[in-house]
Amino acid sequence: MATFLHAFYVFLIFAQFLIGLSLIYVVTLQESKNDGLTGQIGSTASTSFKGKAGREERLNLLTRNVAVAFFVVSILVAIGTKRWG
């Protein structure tokens, strides 16, 4: 039983590493929204229709899901560190 738990702990560390790399990759894919005040002053053209999810919305959803997975796996690794650390 102890060898299974140790192997599972090593798997969690490897999963945390891969999820961390994928989180970095997904965040760097997103476009910068740092436009300053361009288009903010005197601009009334804003679209708020709910159509098919675009690239940015899908990337936001993917980023959120990968971040939650990273958070959960990090908690499990932290709990397992007491046992094997």
Protein backbone atom coordinates (compact mmCIF):
# COMPACT_ATOMS: atom_id res chain seq x y z
CA MET A 1 0.00 0.00 0.00
CA ALA A 2 2.83 2.39 0.83
CA THR A 3 4.49 1.85 -2.54
CA PHE A 4 1.20 2.61 -4.31
CA LEU A 5 0.79 5.85 -2.38
CA HIS A 6 4.38 6.82 -3.06
CA ALA A 7 3.92 6.11 -6.79
CA PHE A 8 0.70 8.16 -6.75
CA TYR A 9 2.56 11.02 -5.05
CA VAL A 10 5.27 10.94 -7.74
CA PHE A 11 2.53 10.91 -10.41
CA LEU A 12 0.94 13.99 -8.79
CA ILE A 13 4.26 15.83 -8.86
CA PHE A 14 4.70 14.98 -12.54
CA ALA A 15 1.09 16.06 -13.26
CA GLN A 16 1.68 19.32 -11.40
CA PHE A 17 4.74 19.99 -13.55
CA LEU A 18 2.86 19.33 -16.80
CA ILE A 19 -0.18 21.35 -15.74
CA GLY A 20 2.11 24.23 -14.71
CA LEU A 21 3.78 24.22 -18.12
CA SER A 22 0.42 24.14 -19.88
CA LEU A 23 -0.83 27.01 -17.71
CA ILE A 24 2.19 29.11 -18.70
CA TYR A 25 1.59 28.25 -22.36
CA VAL A 26 -2.12 29.10 -22.27
CA VAL A 27 -1.50 32.42 -20.52
CA THR A 28 1.12 33.43 -23.08
CA LEU A 29 -1.30 32.63 -25.92
CA GLN A 30 -3.73 35.29 -24.75
CA GLU A 31 -3.62 38.70 -26.35
CA SER A 32 -2.69 41.70 -24.28
CA LYS A 33 -5.59 43.91 -23.24
CA ASN A 34 -3.24 46.76 -22.37
CA ASP A 35 -4.56 49.36 -24.80
CA GLY A 36 -4.45 52.19 -22.32
CA LEU A 37 -7.16 54.77 -22.88
CA THR A 38 -7.43 54.08 -26.60
CA GLY A 39 -11.09 53.77 -27.43
CA GLN A 40 -12.24 54.30 -23.86
CA ILE A 41 -12.98 58.01 -23.89
CA GLY A 42 -16.05 58.95 -25.86
CA SER A 43 -16.56 55.44 -27.17
CA THR A 44 -20.06 54.05 -26.98
CA ALA A 45 -19.61 51.13 -29.35
CA SER A 46 -19.66 48.05 -27.19
CA THR A 47 -20.92 44.66 -28.20
CA SER A 48 -22.55 42.43 -25.64
CA PHE A 49 -24.21 39.81 -27.79
CA LYS A 50 -24.07 36.16 -26.76
CA GLY A 51 -23.09 34.25 -29.83
CA LYS A 52 -20.62 31.50 -30.54
CA ALA A 53 -17.65 31.68 -28.22
CA GLY A 54 -14.68 33.30 -29.90
CA ARG A 55 -11.01 32.54 -29.51
CA GLU A 56 -10.55 34.80 -26.48
CA GLU A 57 -13.54 33.37 -24.63
CA ARG A 58 -12.33 29.82 -25.25
CA LEU A 59 -8.84 30.75 -24.08
CA ASN A 60 -10.28 32.37 -20.95
CA LEU A 61 -12.28 29.24 -20.18
CA LEU A 62 -9.27 27.01 -20.83
CA THR A 63 -7.07 29.19 -18.62
CA ARG A 64 -9.60 29.05 -15.80
CA ASN A 65 -9.93 25.26 -16.02
CA VAL A 66 -6.17 24.68 -16.15
CA ALA A 67 -5.66 27.06 -13.21
CA VAL A 68 -8.26 25.20 -11.12
CA ALA A 69 -6.63 21.87 -12.00
CA PHE A 70 -3.22 23.27 -11.01
CA PHE A 71 -4.64 24.54 -7.71
CA VAL A 72 -6.25 21.18 -6.86
CA VAL A 73 -3.15 19.17 -7.76
CA SER A 74 -0.97 21.59 -5.77
CA ILE A 75 -3.13 21.06 -2.69
CA LEU A 76 -2.87 17.27 -3.09
CA VAL A 77 0.91 17.51 -3.48
CA ALA A 78 1.12 19.71 -0.37
CA ILE A 79 -0.91 17.18 1.62
CA GLY A 80 1.29 14.35 0.37
CA THR A 81 4.49 16.20 1.22
CA LYS A 82 3.87 15.65 4.93
CA ARG A 83 3.86 11.93 4.37
CA TRP A 84 6.83 11.60 2.02
CA GLY A 85 8.87 14.72 2.70
